Amino acid sequence: MSRSKVAISIERETLEELDELVKSKVFPNRSQAIQEAVEEKLSRLKQTRLAEECAKLDRKAEQGMAEEGLSAEMSQWPEY
């Protein structure tokens, strides 16, 4: 995957905490730490969006559609 350089502004206290993590070898460098933080945040936002969309679903209607499709298929299954 290709990488692009970006410039950011960050509060001094946050940067000091970040540097401590790099110094203690939690991350190899600032760039890696920031990249992982951004990726984690994006992943969480996607999960939140999925949960919000799922919450909009009508459970009874969804269950009815699932059972409707299942009952049609069950009649075609062989008995064991």
N, C-alpha and C. Protein backbone atom coordinates (compact mmCIF):
# COMPACT_ATOMS: atom_id res chain seq x y z
N MET A 1 0.86 -1.18 0.00
CA MET A 1 0.00 0.00 0.00
C MET A 1 0.90 1.23 0.00
N SER A 2 0.60 2.18 -0.85
CA SER A 2 1.42 3.38 -0.91
C SER A 2 1.12 4.30 0.27
N ARG A 3 2.07 5.10 0.60
CA ARG A 3 1.93 6.02 1.73
C ARG A 3 2.05 7.45 1.23
N SER A 4 1.40 8.35 1.96
CA SER A 4 1.48 9.77 1.67
C SER A 4 1.91 10.49 2.94
N LYS A 5 2.65 11.54 2.77
CA LYS A 5 3.06 12.34 3.92
C LYS A 5 1.99 13.38 4.20
N VAL A 6 1.76 13.62 5.48
CA VAL A 6 0.83 14.66 5.91
C VAL A 6 1.48 15.42 7.06
N ALA A 7 1.07 16.64 7.22
CA ALA A 7 1.53 17.44 8.36
C ALA A 7 0.32 17.65 9.27
N ILE A 8 0.54 17.50 10.56
CA ILE A 8 -0.55 17.70 11.51
C ILE A 8 -0.09 18.64 12.62
N SER A 9 -1.07 19.23 13.26
CA SER A 9 -0.80 20.01 14.48
C SER A 9 -1.35 19.19 15.63
N ILE A 10 -0.57 19.11 16.70
CA ILE A 10 -0.96 18.28 17.83
C ILE A 10 -0.57 19.00 19.12
N GLU A 11 -1.39 18.86 20.14
CA GLU A 11 -1.10 19.52 21.40
C GLU A 11 0.21 18.99 21.98
N ARG A 12 0.96 19.87 22.59
CA ARG A 12 2.28 19.50 23.12
C ARG A 12 2.19 18.34 24.11
N GLU A 13 1.20 18.35 24.99
CA GLU A 13 1.07 17.28 25.99
C GLU A 13 0.83 15.93 25.31
N THR A 14 0.02 15.94 24.27
CA THR A 14 -0.26 14.71 23.53
C THR A 14 1.01 14.21 22.86
N LEU A 15 1.75 15.13 22.28
CA LEU A 15 3.00 14.76 21.61
C LEU A 15 4.01 14.20 22.62
N GLU A 16 4.05 14.77 23.80
CA GLU A 16 4.96 14.26 24.83
C GLU A 16 4.58 12.84 25.23
N GLU A 17 3.27 12.58 25.37
CA GLU A 17 2.82 11.22 25.69
C GLU A 17 3.18 10.25 24.56
N LEU A 18 2.98 10.70 23.34
CA LEU A 18 3.32 9.90 22.17
C LEU A 18 4.81 9.58 22.15
N ASP A 19 5.63 10.57 22.41
CA ASP A 19 7.08 10.36 22.44
C ASP A 19 7.49 9.38 23.53
N GLU A 20 6.79 9.40 24.65
CA GLU A 20 7.09 8.43 25.71
C GLU A 20 6.78 7.01 25.24
N LEU A 21 5.70 6.84 24.50
CA LEU A 21 5.37 5.51 23.97
C LEU A 21 6.42 5.04 22.97
N VAL A 22 6.91 5.96 22.17
CA VAL A 22 7.97 5.62 21.22
C VAL A 22 9.25 5.29 21.98
N LYS A 23 9.57 6.09 22.97
CA LYS A 23 10.78 5.87 23.77
C LYS A 23 10.75 4.52 24.47
N SER A 24 9.56 4.14 24.95
CA SER A 24 9.44 2.85 25.65
C SER A 24 9.18 1.69 24.68
N LYS A 25 9.30 1.98 23.39
CA LYS A 25 9.21 0.99 22.32
C LYS A 25 7.84 0.34 22.17
N VAL A 26 6.78 1.05 22.59
CA VAL A 26 5.42 0.59 22.31
C VAL A 26 5.17 0.74 20.81
N PHE A 27 5.71 1.79 20.23
CA PHE A 27 5.65 2.04 18.79
C PHE A 27 7.07 2.29 18.30
N PRO A 28 7.37 1.93 17.06
CA PRO A 28 8.72 2.17 16.55
C PRO A 28 9.02 3.64 16.28
N ASN A 29 7.97 4.42 15.99
CA ASN A 29 8.16 5.85 15.70
C ASN A 29 6.82 6.57 15.78
N ARG A 30 6.86 7.88 15.70
CA ARG A 30 5.63 8.69 15.76
C ARG A 30 4.67 8.35 14.64
N SER A 31 5.22 8.22 13.44
CA SER A 31 4.36 7.97 12.28
C SER A 31 3.54 6.70 12.45
N GLN A 32 4.19 5.64 12.91
CA GLN A 32 3.49 4.37 13.10
C GLN A 32 2.41 4.50 14.17
N ALA A 33 2.73 5.19 15.24
CA ALA A 33 1.76 5.39 16.32
C ALA A 33 0.53 6.15 15.82
N ILE A 34 0.77 7.21 15.09
CA ILE A 34 -0.34 8.03 14.58
C ILE A 34 -1.14 7.25 13.55
N GLN A 35 -0.47 6.50 12.67
CA GLN A 35 -1.18 5.71 11.67
C GLN A 35 -2.09 4.69 12.35
N GLU A 36 -1.57 3.98 13.35
CA GLU A 36 -2.38 2.99 14.04
C GLU A 36 -3.56 3.64 14.76
N ALA A 37 -3.36 4.81 15.32
CA ALA A 37 -4.44 5.50 16.01
C ALA A 37 -5.54 5.91 15.04
N VAL A 38 -5.15 6.41 13.88
CA VAL A 38 -6.14 6.82 12.87
C VAL A 38 -6.90 5.59 12.36
N GLU A 39 -6.18 4.51 12.07
CA GLU A 39 -6.83 3.29 11.58
C GLU A 39 -7.82 2.75 12.61
N GLU A 40 -7.42 2.76 13.89
CA GLU A 40 -8.32 2.28 14.94
C GLU A 40 -9.57 3.15 15.04
N LYS A 41 -9.40 4.45 14.96
CA LYS A 41 -10.55 5.37 15.03
C LYS A 41 -11.49 5.15 13.86
N LEU A 42 -10.94 5.00 12.65
CA LEU A 42 -11.78 4.75 11.48
C LEU A 42 -12.54 3.44 11.61
N SER A 43 -11.89 2.43 12.14
CA SER A 43 -12.55 1.13 12.35
C SER A 43 -13.70 1.26 13.33
N ARG A 44 -13.47 1.99 14.41
CA ARG A 44 -14.53 2.20 15.41
C ARG A 44 -15.71 2.97 14.82
N LEU A 45 -15.43 3.96 14.00
CA LEU A 45 -16.50 4.73 13.38
C LEU A 45 -17.34 3.85 12.46
N LYS A 46 -16.68 2.96 11.71
CA LYS A 46 -17.41 2.04 10.84
C LYS A 46 -18.30 1.11 11.65
N GLN A 47 -17.79 0.60 12.77
CA GLN A 47 -18.58 -0.29 13.62
C GLN A 47 -19.77 0.43 14.21
N THR A 48 -19.55 1.67 14.61
CA THR A 48 -20.64 2.47 15.18
C THR A 48 -21.72 2.70 14.13
N ARG A 49 -21.30 3.00 12.91
CA ARG A 49 -22.25 3.24 11.83
C ARG A 49 -23.06 1.98 11.54
N LEU A 50 -22.40 0.82 11.53
CA LEU A 50 -23.09 -0.44 11.29
C LEU A 50 -24.10 -0.70 12.41
N ALA A 51 -23.71 -0.46 13.64
CA ALA A 51 -24.63 -0.66 14.77
C ALA A 51 -25.83 0.28 14.67
N GLU A 52 -25.59 1.52 14.27
CA GLU A 52 -26.69 2.48 14.12
C GLU A 52 -27.65 2.04 13.03
N GLU A 53 -27.13 1.54 11.92
CA GLU A 53 -27.99 1.07 10.82
C GLU A 53 -28.77 -0.17 11.25
N CYS A 54 -28.12 -1.06 11.97
CA CYS A 54 -28.81 -2.26 12.45
C CYS A 54 -29.93 -1.92 13.42
N ALA A 55 -29.72 -0.89 14.22
CA ALA A 55 -30.74 -0.47 15.18
C ALA A 55 -32.00 0.05 14.49
N LYS A 56 -31.87 0.48 13.25
CA LYS A 56 -33.01 0.98 12.50
C LYS A 56 -33.91 -0.13 11.97
N LEU A 57 -33.40 -1.36 11.96
CA LEU A 57 -34.16 -2.47 11.40
C LEU A 57 -35.33 -2.84 12.31
N ASP A 58 -36.40 -3.28 11.70
CA ASP A 58 -37.56 -3.78 12.43
C ASP A 58 -37.33 -5.27 12.68
N ARG A 59 -37.10 -5.63 13.94
CA ARG A 59 -36.74 -7.01 14.27
C ARG A 59 -37.81 -8.02 13.83
N LYS A 60 -39.06 -7.69 14.05
CA LYS A 60 -40.14 -8.62 13.69
C LYS A 60 -40.22 -8.81 12.18
N ALA A 61 -40.07 -7.74 11.44
CA ALA A 61 -40.12 -7.84 9.98
C ALA A 61 -38.92 -8.63 9.46
N GLU A 62 -37.76 -8.39 10.02
CA GLU A 62 -36.56 -9.13 9.59
C GLU A 62 -36.68 -10.61 9.92
N GLN A 63 -37.20 -10.92 11.11
CA GLN A 63 -37.37 -12.32 11.50
C GLN A 63 -38.40 -12.99 10.60
N GLY A 64 -39.46 -12.28 10.28
CA GLY A 64 -40.48 -12.84 9.39
C GLY A 64 -39.92 -13.16 8.02
N MET A 65 -39.12 -12.27 7.47
CA MET A 65 -38.51 -12.53 6.16
C MET A 65 -37.56 -13.72 6.23
N ALA A 66 -36.80 -13.82 7.32
CA ALA A 66 -35.86 -14.94 7.47
C ALA A 66 -36.61 -16.26 7.57
N GLU A 67 -37.67 -16.28 8.35
CA GLU A 67 -38.44 -17.51 8.52
C GLU A 67 -39.18 -17.88 7.24
N GLU A 68 -39.63 -16.89 6.51
CA GLU A 68 -40.32 -17.14 5.24
C GLU A 68 -39.39 -17.85 4.26
N GLY A 69 -38.20 -17.36 4.14
CA GLY A 69 -37.23 -17.97 3.23
C GLY A 69 -36.81 -19.34 3.72
N LEU A 70 -36.68 -19.51 5.02
CA LEU A 70 -36.26 -20.78 5.59
C LEU A 70 -37.33 -21.84 5.43
N SER A 71 -38.60 -21.49 5.63
CA SER A 71 -39.66 -22.49 5.52
C SER A 71 -39.79 -23.00 4.09
N ALA A 72 -39.55 -22.15 3.12
CA ALA A 72 -39.61 -22.60 1.73
C ALA A 72 -38.48 -23.58 1.43
N GLU A 73 -37.33 -23.33 1.98
CA GLU A 73 -36.19 -24.22 1.76
C GLU A 73 -36.33 -25.53 2.52
N MET A 74 -36.94 -25.49 3.69
CA MET A 74 -37.05 -26.70 4.51
C MET A 74 -37.87 -27.78 3.84
N SER A 75 -38.85 -27.40 3.05
CA SER A 75 -39.68 -28.39 2.38
C SER A 75 -38.88 -29.15 1.32
N GLN A 76 -37.77 -28.59 0.88
CA GLN A 76 -36.95 -29.23 -0.13
C GLN A 76 -35.83 -30.08 0.48
N TRP A 77 -35.62 -29.99 1.76
CA TRP A 77 -34.54 -30.73 2.39
C TRP A 77 -34.97 -32.17 2.60
N PRO A 78 -34.08 -33.14 2.39
CA PRO A 78 -34.42 -34.54 2.64
C PRO A 78 -34.48 -34.82 4.14
N GLU A 79 -35.29 -35.78 4.52
CA GLU A 79 -35.35 -36.17 5.93
C GLU A 79 -34.18 -37.06 6.25
N TYR A 80 -33.70 -36.99 7.46
CA TYR A 80 -32.57 -37.81 7.89
C TYR A 80 -33.03 -38.86 8.86
